[in-house]
Amino acid sequence: PPQFTFGNANRSILTGPGLANVNL
């Protein structure tokens, strides 16, 4: 964003990689 201003992005706009786990 321009200097001394806030951006327009919300929190959590990205989705990260998932988790696939099998314990035996």
PDBML (XML) file of the C-alpha atoms, coordinates in Angstrom:
<?xml version="1.0" encoding="UTF-8" ?>
<PDBx:datablock datablockName="MODEL"
   xmlns:PDBx="http://pdbml.pdb.org/schema/pdbx-v50.xsd"
   xmlns:xsi="http://www.w3.org/2001/XMLSchema-instance"
   xsi:schemaLocation="http://pdbml.pdb.org/schema/pdbx-v50.xsd pdbx-v50.xsd">
   <PDBx:atom_siteCategory>
      <PDBx:atom_site id="1">
         <PDBx:B_iso_or_equiv>0.00</PDBx:B_iso_or_equiv>
         <PDBx:Cartn_x>0.000</PDBx:Cartn_x>
         <PDBx:Cartn_y>0.000</PDBx:Cartn_y>
         <PDBx:Cartn_z>0.000</PDBx:Cartn_z>
         <PDBx:auth_asym_id>A</PDBx:auth_asym_id>
         <PDBx:auth_atom_id>CA</PDBx:auth_atom_id>
         <PDBx:auth_comp_id>PRO</PDBx:auth_comp_id>
         <PDBx:auth_seq_id>1</PDBx:auth_seq_id>
         <PDBx:group_PDB>ATOM</PDBx:group_PDB>
         <PDBx:label_alt_id xsi:nil="true" />
         <PDBx:label_asym_id>A</PDBx:label_asym_id>
         <PDBx:label_atom_id>CA</PDBx:label_atom_id>
         <PDBx:label_comp_id>PRO</PDBx:label_comp_id>
         <PDBx:label_entity_id>1</PDBx:label_entity_id>
         <PDBx:label_seq_id>1</PDBx:label_seq_id>
         <PDBx:occupancy>1.00</PDBx:occupancy>
         <PDBx:pdbx_PDB_model_num>1</PDBx:pdbx_PDB_model_num>
         <PDBx:type_symbol>C</PDBx:type_symbol>
      </PDBx:atom_site>
      <PDBx:atom_site id="2">
         <PDBx:B_iso_or_equiv>0.00</PDBx:B_iso_or_equiv>
         <PDBx:Cartn_x>1.076</PDBx:Cartn_x>
         <PDBx:Cartn_y>3.632</PDBx:Cartn_y>
         <PDBx:Cartn_z>-0.261</PDBx:Cartn_z>
         <PDBx:auth_asym_id>A</PDBx:auth_asym_id>
         <PDBx:auth_atom_id>CA</PDBx:auth_atom_id>
         <PDBx:auth_comp_id>PRO</PDBx:auth_comp_id>
         <PDBx:auth_seq_id>2</PDBx:auth_seq_id>
         <PDBx:group_PDB>ATOM</PDBx:group_PDB>
         <PDBx:label_alt_id xsi:nil="true" />
         <PDBx:label_asym_id>A</PDBx:label_asym_id>
         <PDBx:label_atom_id>CA</PDBx:label_atom_id>
         <PDBx:label_comp_id>PRO</PDBx:label_comp_id>
         <PDBx:label_entity_id>1</PDBx:label_entity_id>
         <PDBx:label_seq_id>2</PDBx:label_seq_id>
         <PDBx:occupancy>1.00</PDBx:occupancy>
         <PDBx:pdbx_PDB_model_num>1</PDBx:pdbx_PDB_model_num>
         <PDBx:type_symbol>C</PDBx:type_symbol>
      </PDBx:atom_site>
      <PDBx:atom_site id="3">
         <PDBx:B_iso_or_equiv>0.00</PDBx:B_iso_or_equiv>
         <PDBx:Cartn_x>3.281</PDBx:Cartn_x>
         <PDBx:Cartn_y>4.814</PDBx:Cartn_y>
         <PDBx:Cartn_z>2.587</PDBx:Cartn_z>
         <PDBx:auth_asym_id>A</PDBx:auth_asym_id>
         <PDBx:auth_atom_id>CA</PDBx:auth_atom_id>
         <PDBx:auth_comp_id>GLN</PDBx:auth_comp_id>
         <PDBx:auth_seq_id>3</PDBx:auth_seq_id>
         <PDBx:group_PDB>ATOM</PDBx:group_PDB>
         <PDBx:label_alt_id xsi:nil="true" />
         <PDBx:label_asym_id>A</PDBx:label_asym_id>
         <PDBx:label_atom_id>CA</PDBx:label_atom_id>
         <PDBx:label_comp_id>GLN</PDBx:label_comp_id>
         <PDBx:label_entity_id>1</PDBx:label_entity_id>
         <PDBx:label_seq_id>3</PDBx:label_seq_id>
         <PDBx:occupancy>1.00</PDBx:occupancy>
         <PDBx:pdbx_PDB_model_num>1</PDBx:pdbx_PDB_model_num>
         <PDBx:type_symbol>C</PDBx:type_symbol>
      </PDBx:atom_site>
      <PDBx:atom_site id="4">
         <PDBx:B_iso_or_equiv>0.00</PDBx:B_iso_or_equiv>
         <PDBx:Cartn_x>1.484</PDBx:Cartn_x>
         <PDBx:Cartn_y>5.582</PDBx:Cartn_y>
         <PDBx:Cartn_z>5.887</PDBx:Cartn_z>
         <PDBx:auth_asym_id>A</PDBx:auth_asym_id>
         <PDBx:auth_atom_id>CA</PDBx:auth_atom_id>
         <PDBx:auth_comp_id>PHE</PDBx:auth_comp_id>
         <PDBx:auth_seq_id>4</PDBx:auth_seq_id>
         <PDBx:group_PDB>ATOM</PDBx:group_PDB>
         <PDBx:label_alt_id xsi:nil="true" />
         <PDBx:label_asym_id>A</PDBx:label_asym_id>
         <PDBx:label_atom_id>CA</PDBx:label_atom_id>
         <PDBx:label_comp_id>PHE</PDBx:label_comp_id>
         <PDBx:label_entity_id>1</PDBx:label_entity_id>
         <PDBx:label_seq_id>4</PDBx:label_seq_id>
         <PDBx:occupancy>1.00</PDBx:occupancy>
         <PDBx:pdbx_PDB_model_num>1</PDBx:pdbx_PDB_model_num>
         <PDBx:type_symbol>C</PDBx:type_symbol>
      </PDBx:atom_site>
      <PDBx:atom_site id="5">
         <PDBx:B_iso_or_equiv>0.00</PDBx:B_iso_or_equiv>
         <PDBx:Cartn_x>-1.743</PDBx:Cartn_x>
         <PDBx:Cartn_y>3.847</PDBx:Cartn_y>
         <PDBx:Cartn_z>4.773</PDBx:Cartn_z>
         <PDBx:auth_asym_id>A</PDBx:auth_asym_id>
         <PDBx:auth_atom_id>CA</PDBx:auth_atom_id>
         <PDBx:auth_comp_id>THR</PDBx:auth_comp_id>
         <PDBx:auth_seq_id>5</PDBx:auth_seq_id>
         <PDBx:group_PDB>ATOM</PDBx:group_PDB>
         <PDBx:label_alt_id xsi:nil="true" />
         <PDBx:label_asym_id>A</PDBx:label_asym_id>
         <PDBx:label_atom_id>CA</PDBx:label_atom_id>
         <PDBx:label_comp_id>THR</PDBx:label_comp_id>
         <PDBx:label_entity_id>1</PDBx:label_entity_id>
         <PDBx:label_seq_id>5</PDBx:label_seq_id>
         <PDBx:occupancy>1.00</PDBx:occupancy>
         <PDBx:pdbx_PDB_model_num>1</PDBx:pdbx_PDB_model_num>
         <PDBx:type_symbol>C</PDBx:type_symbol>
      </PDBx:atom_site>
      <PDBx:atom_site id="6">
         <PDBx:B_iso_or_equiv>0.00</PDBx:B_iso_or_equiv>
         <PDBx:Cartn_x>-3.342</PDBx:Cartn_x>
         <PDBx:Cartn_y>0.514</PDBx:Cartn_y>
         <PDBx:Cartn_z>5.553</PDBx:Cartn_z>
         <PDBx:auth_asym_id>A</PDBx:auth_asym_id>
         <PDBx:auth_atom_id>CA</PDBx:auth_atom_id>
         <PDBx:auth_comp_id>PHE</PDBx:auth_comp_id>
         <PDBx:auth_seq_id>6</PDBx:auth_seq_id>
         <PDBx:group_PDB>ATOM</PDBx:group_PDB>
         <PDBx:label_alt_id xsi:nil="true" />
         <PDBx:label_asym_id>A</PDBx:label_asym_id>
         <PDBx:label_atom_id>CA</PDBx:label_atom_id>
         <PDBx:label_comp_id>PHE</PDBx:label_comp_id>
         <PDBx:label_entity_id>1</PDBx:label_entity_id>
         <PDBx:label_seq_id>6</PDBx:label_seq_id>
         <PDBx:occupancy>1.00</PDBx:occupancy>
         <PDBx:pdbx_PDB_model_num>1</PDBx:pdbx_PDB_model_num>
         <PDBx:type_symbol>C</PDBx:type_symbol>
      </PDBx:atom_site>
      <PDBx:atom_site id="7">
         <PDBx:B_iso_or_equiv>0.00</PDBx:B_iso_or_equiv>
         <PDBx:Cartn_x>-3.899</PDBx:Cartn_x>
         <PDBx:Cartn_y>-2.072</PDBx:Cartn_y>
         <PDBx:Cartn_z>2.840</PDBx:Cartn_z>
         <PDBx:auth_asym_id>A</PDBx:auth_asym_id>
         <PDBx:auth_atom_id>CA</PDBx:auth_atom_id>
         <PDBx:auth_comp_id>GLY</PDBx:auth_comp_id>
         <PDBx:auth_seq_id>7</PDBx:auth_seq_id>
         <PDBx:group_PDB>ATOM</PDBx:group_PDB>
         <PDBx:label_alt_id xsi:nil="true" />
         <PDBx:label_asym_id>A</PDBx:label_asym_id>
         <PDBx:label_atom_id>CA</PDBx:label_atom_id>
         <PDBx:label_comp_id>GLY</PDBx:label_comp_id>
         <PDBx:label_entity_id>1</PDBx:label_entity_id>
         <PDBx:label_seq_id>7</PDBx:label_seq_id>
         <PDBx:occupancy>1.00</PDBx:occupancy>
         <PDBx:pdbx_PDB_model_num>1</PDBx:pdbx_PDB_model_num>
         <PDBx:type_symbol>C</PDBx:type_symbol>
      </PDBx:atom_site>
      <PDBx:atom_site id="8">
         <PDBx:B_iso_or_equiv>0.00</PDBx:B_iso_or_equiv>
         <PDBx:Cartn_x>-7.284</PDBx:Cartn_x>
         <PDBx:Cartn_y>-3.500</PDBx:Cartn_y>
         <PDBx:Cartn_z>1.884</PDBx:Cartn_z>
         <PDBx:auth_asym_id>A</PDBx:auth_asym_id>
         <PDBx:auth_atom_id>CA</PDBx:auth_atom_id>
         <PDBx:auth_comp_id>ASN</PDBx:auth_comp_id>
         <PDBx:auth_seq_id>8</PDBx:auth_seq_id>
         <PDBx:group_PDB>ATOM</PDBx:group_PDB>
         <PDBx:label_alt_id xsi:nil="true" />
         <PDBx:label_asym_id>A</PDBx:label_asym_id>
         <PDBx:label_atom_id>CA</PDBx:label_atom_id>
         <PDBx:label_comp_id>ASN</PDBx:label_comp_id>
         <PDBx:label_entity_id>1</PDBx:label_entity_id>
         <PDBx:label_seq_id>8</PDBx:label_seq_id>
         <PDBx:occupancy>1.00</PDBx:occupancy>
         <PDBx:pdbx_PDB_model_num>1</PDBx:pdbx_PDB_model_num>
         <PDBx:type_symbol>C</PDBx:type_symbol>
      </PDBx:atom_site>
      <PDBx:atom_site id="9">
         <PDBx:B_iso_or_equiv>0.00</PDBx:B_iso_or_equiv>
         <PDBx:Cartn_x>-6.459</PDBx:Cartn_x>
         <PDBx:Cartn_y>-7.178</PDBx:Cartn_y>
         <PDBx:Cartn_z>2.619</PDBx:Cartn_z>
         <PDBx:auth_asym_id>A</PDBx:auth_asym_id>
         <PDBx:auth_atom_id>CA</PDBx:auth_atom_id>
         <PDBx:auth_comp_id>ALA</PDBx:auth_comp_id>
         <PDBx:auth_seq_id>9</PDBx:auth_seq_id>
         <PDBx:group_PDB>ATOM</PDBx:group_PDB>
         <PDBx:label_alt_id xsi:nil="true" />
         <PDBx:label_asym_id>A</PDBx:label_asym_id>
         <PDBx:label_atom_id>CA</PDBx:label_atom_id>
         <PDBx:label_comp_id>ALA</PDBx:label_comp_id>
         <PDBx:label_entity_id>1</PDBx:label_entity_id>
         <PDBx:label_seq_id>9</PDBx:label_seq_id>
         <PDBx:occupancy>1.00</PDBx:occupancy>
         <PDBx:pdbx_PDB_model_num>1</PDBx:pdbx_PDB_model_num>
         <PDBx:type_symbol>C</PDBx:type_symbol>
      </PDBx:atom_site>
      <PDBx:atom_site id="10">
         <PDBx:B_iso_or_equiv>0.00</PDBx:B_iso_or_equiv>
         <PDBx:Cartn_x>-8.472</PDBx:Cartn_x>
         <PDBx:Cartn_y>-9.087</PDBx:Cartn_y>
         <PDBx:Cartn_z>5.201</PDBx:Cartn_z>
         <PDBx:auth_asym_id>A</PDBx:auth_asym_id>
         <PDBx:auth_atom_id>CA</PDBx:auth_atom_id>
         <PDBx:auth_comp_id>ASN</PDBx:auth_comp_id>
         <PDBx:auth_seq_id>10</PDBx:auth_seq_id>
         <PDBx:group_PDB>ATOM</PDBx:group_PDB>
         <PDBx:label_alt_id xsi:nil="true" />
         <PDBx:label_asym_id>A</PDBx:label_asym_id>
         <PDBx:label_atom_id>CA</PDBx:label_atom_id>
         <PDBx:label_comp_id>ASN</PDBx:label_comp_id>
         <PDBx:label_entity_id>1</PDBx:label_entity_id>
         <PDBx:label_seq_id>10</PDBx:label_seq_id>
         <PDBx:occupancy>1.00</PDBx:occupancy>
         <PDBx:pdbx_PDB_model_num>1</PDBx:pdbx_PDB_model_num>
         <PDBx:type_symbol>C</PDBx:type_symbol>
      </PDBx:atom_site>
      <PDBx:atom_site id="11">
         <PDBx:B_iso_or_equiv>0.00</PDBx:B_iso_or_equiv>
         <PDBx:Cartn_x>-7.013</PDBx:Cartn_x>
         <PDBx:Cartn_y>-11.695</PDBx:Cartn_y>
         <PDBx:Cartn_z>7.496</PDBx:Cartn_z>
         <PDBx:auth_asym_id>A</PDBx:auth_asym_id>
         <PDBx:auth_atom_id>CA</PDBx:auth_atom_id>
         <PDBx:auth_comp_id>ARG</PDBx:auth_comp_id>
         <PDBx:auth_seq_id>11</PDBx:auth_seq_id>
         <PDBx:group_PDB>ATOM</PDBx:group_PDB>
         <PDBx:label_alt_id xsi:nil="true" />
         <PDBx:label_asym_id>A</PDBx:label_asym_id>
         <PDBx:label_atom_id>CA</PDBx:label_atom_id>
         <PDBx:label_comp_id>ARG</PDBx:label_comp_id>
         <PDBx:label_entity_id>1</PDBx:label_entity_id>
         <PDBx:label_seq_id>11</PDBx:label_seq_id>
         <PDBx:occupancy>1.00</PDBx:occupancy>
         <PDBx:pdbx_PDB_model_num>1</PDBx:pdbx_PDB_model_num>
         <PDBx:type_symbol>C</PDBx:type_symbol>
      </PDBx:atom_site>
      <PDBx:atom_site id="12">
         <PDBx:B_iso_or_equiv>0.00</PDBx:B_iso_or_equiv>
         <PDBx:Cartn_x>-6.608</PDBx:Cartn_x>
         <PDBx:Cartn_y>-15.236</PDBx:Cartn_y>
         <PDBx:Cartn_z>6.178</PDBx:Cartn_z>
         <PDBx:auth_asym_id>A</PDBx:auth_asym_id>
         <PDBx:auth_atom_id>CA</PDBx:auth_atom_id>
         <PDBx:auth_comp_id>SER</PDBx:auth_comp_id>
         <PDBx:auth_seq_id>12</PDBx:auth_seq_id>
         <PDBx:group_PDB>ATOM</PDBx:group_PDB>
         <PDBx:label_alt_id xsi:nil="true" />
         <PDBx:label_asym_id>A</PDBx:label_asym_id>
         <PDBx:label_atom_id>CA</PDBx:label_atom_id>
         <PDBx:label_comp_id>SER</PDBx:label_comp_id>
         <PDBx:label_entity_id>1</PDBx:label_entity_id>
         <PDBx:label_seq_id>12</PDBx:label_seq_id>
         <PDBx:occupancy>1.00</PDBx:occupancy>
         <PDBx:pdbx_PDB_model_num>1</PDBx:pdbx_PDB_model_num>
         <PDBx:type_symbol>C</PDBx:type_symbol>
      </PDBx:atom_site>
      <PDBx:atom_site id="13">
         <PDBx:B_iso_or_equiv>0.00</PDBx:B_iso_or_equiv>
         <PDBx:Cartn_x>-6.980</PDBx:Cartn_x>
         <PDBx:Cartn_y>-14.479</PDBx:Cartn_y>
         <PDBx:Cartn_z>2.463</PDBx:Cartn_z>
         <PDBx:auth_asym_id>A</PDBx:auth_asym_id>
         <PDBx:auth_atom_id>CA</PDBx:auth_atom_id>
         <PDBx:auth_comp_id>ILE</PDBx:auth_comp_id>
         <PDBx:auth_seq_id>13</PDBx:auth_seq_id>
         <PDBx:group_PDB>ATOM</PDBx:group_PDB>
         <PDBx:label_alt_id xsi:nil="true" />
         <PDBx:label_asym_id>A</PDBx:label_asym_id>
         <PDBx:label_atom_id>CA</PDBx:label_atom_id>
         <PDBx:label_comp_id>ILE</PDBx:label_comp_id>
         <PDBx:label_entity_id>1</PDBx:label_entity_id>
         <PDBx:label_seq_id>13</PDBx:label_seq_id>
         <PDBx:occupancy>1.00</PDBx:occupancy>
         <PDBx:pdbx_PDB_model_num>1</PDBx:pdbx_PDB_model_num>
         <PDBx:type_symbol>C</PDBx:type_symbol>
      </PDBx:atom_site>
      <PDBx:atom_site id="14">
         <PDBx:B_iso_or_equiv>0.00</PDBx:B_iso_or_equiv>
         <PDBx:Cartn_x>-4.744</PDBx:Cartn_x>
         <PDBx:Cartn_y>-17.447</PDBx:Cartn_y>
         <PDBx:Cartn_z>1.554</PDBx:Cartn_z>
         <PDBx:auth_asym_id>A</PDBx:auth_asym_id>
         <PDBx:auth_atom_id>CA</PDBx:auth_atom_id>
         <PDBx:auth_comp_id>LEU</PDBx:auth_comp_id>
         <PDBx:auth_seq_id>14</PDBx:auth_seq_id>
         <PDBx:group_PDB>ATOM</PDBx:group_PDB>
         <PDBx:label_alt_id xsi:nil="true" />
         <PDBx:label_asym_id>A</PDBx:label_asym_id>
         <PDBx:label_atom_id>CA</PDBx:label_atom_id>
         <PDBx:label_comp_id>LEU</PDBx:label_comp_id>
         <PDBx:label_entity_id>1</PDBx:label_entity_id>
         <PDBx:label_seq_id>14</PDBx:label_seq_id>
         <PDBx:occupancy>1.00</PDBx:occupancy>
         <PDBx:pdbx_PDB_model_num>1</PDBx:pdbx_PDB_model_num>
         <PDBx:type_symbol>C</PDBx:type_symbol>
      </PDBx:atom_site>
      <PDBx:atom_site id="15">
         <PDBx:B_iso_or_equiv>0.00</PDBx:B_iso_or_equiv>
         <PDBx:Cartn_x>-5.377</PDBx:Cartn_x>
         <PDBx:Cartn_y>-21.149</PDBx:Cartn_y>
         <PDBx:Cartn_z>1.911</PDBx:Cartn_z>
         <PDBx:auth_asym_id>A</PDBx:auth_asym_id>
         <PDBx:auth_atom_id>CA</PDBx:auth_atom_id>
         <PDBx:auth_comp_id>THR</PDBx:auth_comp_id>
         <PDBx:auth_seq_id>15</PDBx:auth_seq_id>
         <PDBx:group_PDB>ATOM</PDBx:group_PDB>
         <PDBx:label_alt_id xsi:nil="true" />
         <PDBx:label_asym_id>A</PDBx:label_asym_id>
         <PDBx:label_atom_id>CA</PDBx:label_atom_id>
         <PDBx:label_comp_id>THR</PDBx:label_comp_id>
         <PDBx:label_entity_id>1</PDBx:label_entity_id>
         <PDBx:label_seq_id>15</PDBx:label_seq_id>
         <PDBx:occupancy>1.00</PDBx:occupancy>
         <PDBx:pdbx_PDB_model_num>1</PDBx:pdbx_PDB_model_num>
         <PDBx:type_symbol>C</PDBx:type_symbol>
      </PDBx:atom_site>
      <PDBx:atom_site id="16">
         <PDBx:B_iso_or_equiv>0.00</PDBx:B_iso_or_equiv>
         <PDBx:Cartn_x>-2.262</PDBx:Cartn_x>
         <PDBx:Cartn_y>-23.122</PDBx:Cartn_y>
         <PDBx:Cartn_z>2.853</PDBx:Cartn_z>
         <PDBx:auth_asym_id>A</PDBx:auth_asym_id>
         <PDBx:auth_atom_id>CA</PDBx:auth_atom_id>
         <PDBx:auth_comp_id>GLY</PDBx:auth_comp_id>
         <PDBx:auth_seq_id>16</PDBx:auth_seq_id>
         <PDBx:group_PDB>ATOM</PDBx:group_PDB>
         <PDBx:label_alt_id xsi:nil="true" />
         <PDBx:label_asym_id>A</PDBx:label_asym_id>
         <PDBx:label_atom_id>CA</PDBx:label_atom_id>
         <PDBx:label_comp_id>GLY</PDBx:label_comp_id>
         <PDBx:label_entity_id>1</PDBx:label_entity_id>
         <PDBx:label_seq_id>16</PDBx:label_seq_id>
         <PDBx:occupancy>1.00</PDBx:occupancy>
         <PDBx:pdbx_PDB_model_num>1</PDBx:pdbx_PDB_model_num>
         <PDBx:type_symbol>C</PDBx:type_symbol>
      </PDBx:atom_site>
      <PDBx:atom_site id="17">
         <PDBx:B_iso_or_equiv>0.00</PDBx:B_iso_or_equiv>
         <PDBx:Cartn_x>-1.356</PDBx:Cartn_x>
         <PDBx:Cartn_y>-26.685</PDBx:Cartn_y>
         <PDBx:Cartn_z>1.972</PDBx:Cartn_z>
         <PDBx:auth_asym_id>A</PDBx:auth_asym_id>
         <PDBx:auth_atom_id>CA</PDBx:auth_atom_id>
         <PDBx:auth_comp_id>PRO</PDBx:auth_comp_id>
         <PDBx:auth_seq_id>17</PDBx:auth_seq_id>
         <PDBx:group_PDB>ATOM</PDBx:group_PDB>
         <PDBx:label_alt_id xsi:nil="true" />
         <PDBx:label_asym_id>A</PDBx:label_asym_id>
         <PDBx:label_atom_id>CA</PDBx:label_atom_id>
         <PDBx:label_comp_id>PRO</PDBx:label_comp_id>
         <PDBx:label_entity_id>1</PDBx:label_entity_id>
         <PDBx:label_seq_id>17</PDBx:label_seq_id>
         <PDBx:occupancy>1.00</PDBx:occupancy>
         <PDBx:pdbx_PDB_model_num>1</PDBx:pdbx_PDB_model_num>
         <PDBx:type_symbol>C</PDBx:type_symbol>
      </PDBx:atom_site>
      <PDBx:atom_site id="18">
         <PDBx:B_iso_or_equiv>0.00</PDBx:B_iso_or_equiv>
         <PDBx:Cartn_x>-3.427</PDBx:Cartn_x>
         <PDBx:Cartn_y>-29.374</PDBx:Cartn_y>
         <PDBx:Cartn_z>3.629</PDBx:Cartn_z>
         <PDBx:auth_asym_id>A</PDBx:auth_asym_id>
         <PDBx:auth_atom_id>CA</PDBx:auth_atom_id>
         <PDBx:auth_comp_id>GLY</PDBx:auth_comp_id>
         <PDBx:auth_seq_id>18</PDBx:auth_seq_id>
         <PDBx:group_PDB>ATOM</PDBx:group_PDB>
         <PDBx:label_alt_id xsi:nil="true" />
         <PDBx:label_asym_id>A</PDBx:label_asym_id>
         <PDBx:label_atom_id>CA</PDBx:label_atom_id>
         <PDBx:label_comp_id>GLY</PDBx:label_comp_id>
         <PDBx:label_entity_id>1</PDBx:label_entity_id>
         <PDBx:label_seq_id>18</PDBx:label_seq_id>
         <PDBx:occupancy>1.00</PDBx:occupancy>
         <PDBx:pdbx_PDB_model_num>1</PDBx:pdbx_PDB_model_num>
         <PDBx:type_symbol>C</PDBx:type_symbol>
      </PDBx:atom_site>
      <PDBx:atom_site id="19">
         <PDBx:B_iso_or_equiv>0.00</PDBx:B_iso_or_equiv>
         <PDBx:Cartn_x>-2.363</PDBx:Cartn_x>
         <PDBx:Cartn_y>-32.113</PDBx:Cartn_y>
         <PDBx:Cartn_z>6.004</PDBx:Cartn_z>
         <PDBx:auth_asym_id>A</PDBx:auth_asym_id>
         <PDBx:auth_atom_id>CA</PDBx:auth_atom_id>
         <PDBx:auth_comp_id>LEU</PDBx:auth_comp_id>
         <PDBx:auth_seq_id>19</PDBx:auth_seq_id>
         <PDBx:group_PDB>ATOM</PDBx:group_PDB>
         <PDBx:label_alt_id xsi:nil="true" />
         <PDBx:label_asym_id>A</PDBx:label_asym_id>
         <PDBx:label_atom_id>CA</PDBx:label_atom_id>
         <PDBx:label_comp_id>LEU</PDBx:label_comp_id>
         <PDBx:label_entity_id>1</PDBx:label_entity_id>
         <PDBx:label_seq_id>19</PDBx:label_seq_id>
         <PDBx:occupancy>1.00</PDBx:occupancy>
         <PDBx:pdbx_PDB_model_num>1</PDBx:pdbx_PDB_model_num>
         <PDBx:type_symbol>C</PDBx:type_symbol>
      </PDBx:atom_site>
      <PDBx:atom_site id="20">
         <PDBx:B_iso_or_equiv>0.00</PDBx:B_iso_or_equiv>
         <PDBx:Cartn_x>-2.608</PDBx:Cartn_x>
         <PDBx:Cartn_y>-35.824</PDBx:Cartn_y>
         <PDBx:Cartn_z>5.216</PDBx:Cartn_z>
         <PDBx:auth_asym_id>A</PDBx:auth_asym_id>
         <PDBx:auth_atom_id>CA</PDBx:auth_atom_id>
         <PDBx:auth_comp_id>ALA</PDBx:auth_comp_id>
         <PDBx:auth_seq_id>20</PDBx:auth_seq_id>
         <PDBx:group_PDB>ATOM</PDBx:group_PDB>
         <PDBx:label_alt_id xsi:nil="true" />
         <PDBx:label_asym_id>A</PDBx:label_asym_id>
         <PDBx:label_atom_id>CA</PDBx:label_atom_id>
         <PDBx:label_comp_id>ALA</PDBx:label_comp_id>
         <PDBx:label_entity_id>1</PDBx:label_entity_id>
         <PDBx:label_seq_id>20</PDBx:label_seq_id>
         <PDBx:occupancy>1.00</PDBx:occupancy>
         <PDBx:pdbx_PDB_model_num>1</PDBx:pdbx_PDB_model_num>
         <PDBx:type_symbol>C</PDBx:type_symbol>
      </PDBx:atom_site>
      <PDBx:atom_site id="21">
         <PDBx:B_iso_or_equiv>0.00</PDBx:B_iso_or_equiv>
         <PDBx:Cartn_x>-1.311</PDBx:Cartn_x>
         <PDBx:Cartn_y>-38.058</PDBx:Cartn_y>
         <PDBx:Cartn_z>7.955</PDBx:Cartn_z>
         <PDBx:auth_asym_id>A</PDBx:auth_asym_id>
         <PDBx:auth_atom_id>CA</PDBx:auth_atom_id>
         <PDBx:auth_comp_id>ASN</PDBx:auth_comp_id>
         <PDBx:auth_seq_id>21</PDBx:auth_seq_id>
         <PDBx:group_PDB>ATOM</PDBx:group_PDB>
         <PDBx:label_alt_id xsi:nil="true" />
         <PDBx:label_asym_id>A</PDBx:label_asym_id>
         <PDBx:label_atom_id>CA</PDBx:label_atom_id>
         <PDBx:label_comp_id>ASN</PDBx:label_comp_id>
         <PDBx:label_entity_id>1</PDBx:label_entity_id>
         <PDBx:label_seq_id>21</PDBx:label_seq_id>
         <PDBx:occupancy>1.00</PDBx:occupancy>
         <PDBx:pdbx_PDB_model_num>1</PDBx:pdbx_PDB_model_num>
         <PDBx:type_symbol>C</PDBx:type_symbol>
      </PDBx:atom_site>
      <PDBx:atom_site id="22">
         <PDBx:B_iso_or_equiv>0.00</PDBx:B_iso_or_equiv>
         <PDBx:Cartn_x>-1.804</PDBx:Cartn_x>
         <PDBx:Cartn_y>-41.744</PDBx:Cartn_y>
         <PDBx:Cartn_z>8.808</PDBx:Cartn_z>
         <PDBx:auth_asym_id>A</PDBx:auth_asym_id>
         <PDBx:auth_atom_id>CA</PDBx:auth_atom_id>
         <PDBx:auth_comp_id>VAL</PDBx:auth_comp_id>
         <PDBx:auth_seq_id>22</PDBx:auth_seq_id>
         <PDBx:group_PDB>ATOM</PDBx:group_PDB>
         <PDBx:label_alt_id xsi:nil="true" />
         <PDBx:label_asym_id>A</PDBx:label_asym_id>
         <PDBx:label_atom_id>CA</PDBx:label_atom_id>
         <PDBx:label_comp_id>VAL</PDBx:label_comp_id>
         <PDBx:label_entity_id>1</PDBx:label_entity_id>
         <PDBx:label_seq_id>22</PDBx:label_seq_id>
         <PDBx:occupancy>1.00</PDBx:occupancy>
         <PDBx:pdbx_PDB_model_num>1</PDBx:pdbx_PDB_model_num>
         <PDBx:type_symbol>C</PDBx:type_symbol>
      </PDBx:atom_site>
      <PDBx:atom_site id="23">
         <PDBx:B_iso_or_equiv>0.00</PDBx:B_iso_or_equiv>
         <PDBx:Cartn_x>-0.389</PDBx:Cartn_x>
         <PDBx:Cartn_y>-43.136</PDBx:Cartn_y>
         <PDBx:Cartn_z>12.054</PDBx:Cartn_z>
         <PDBx:auth_asym_id>A</PDBx:auth_asym_id>
         <PDBx:auth_atom_id>CA</PDBx:auth_atom_id>
         <PDBx:auth_comp_id>ASN</PDBx:auth_comp_id>
         <PDBx:auth_seq_id>23</PDBx:auth_seq_id>
         <PDBx:group_PDB>ATOM</PDBx:group_PDB>
         <PDBx:label_alt_id xsi:nil="true" />
         <PDBx:label_asym_id>A</PDBx:label_asym_id>
         <PDBx:label_atom_id>CA</PDBx:label_atom_id>
         <PDBx:label_comp_id>ASN</PDBx:label_comp_id>
         <PDBx:label_entity_id>1</PDBx:label_entity_id>
         <PDBx:label_seq_id>23</PDBx:label_seq_id>
         <PDBx:occupancy>1.00</PDBx:occupancy>
         <PDBx:pdbx_PDB_model_num>1</PDBx:pdbx_PDB_model_num>
         <PDBx:type_symbol>C</PDBx:type_symbol>
      </PDBx:atom_site>
      <PDBx:atom_site id="24">
         <PDBx:B_iso_or_equiv>0.00</PDBx:B_iso_or_equiv>
         <PDBx:Cartn_x>-0.348</PDBx:Cartn_x>
         <PDBx:Cartn_y>-46.890</PDBx:Cartn_y>
         <PDBx:Cartn_z>12.667</PDBx:Cartn_z>
         <PDBx:auth_asym_id>A</PDBx:auth_asym_id>
         <PDBx:auth_atom_id>CA</PDBx:auth_atom_id>
         <PDBx:auth_comp_id>LEU</PDBx:auth_comp_id>
         <PDBx:auth_seq_id>24</PDBx:auth_seq_id>
         <PDBx:group_PDB>ATOM</PDBx:group_PDB>
         <PDBx:label_alt_id xsi:nil="true" />
         <PDBx:label_asym_id>A</PDBx:label_asym_id>
         <PDBx:label_atom_id>CA</PDBx:label_atom_id>
         <PDBx:label_comp_id>LEU</PDBx:label_comp_id>
         <PDBx:label_entity_id>1</PDBx:label_entity_id>
         <PDBx:label_seq_id>24</PDBx:label_seq_id>
         <PDBx:occupancy>1.00</PDBx:occupancy>
         <PDBx:pdbx_PDB_model_num>1</PDBx:pdbx_PDB_model_num>
         <PDBx:type_symbol>C</PDBx:type_symbol>
      </PDBx:atom_site>
   </PDBx:atom_siteCategory>
</PDBx:datablock>
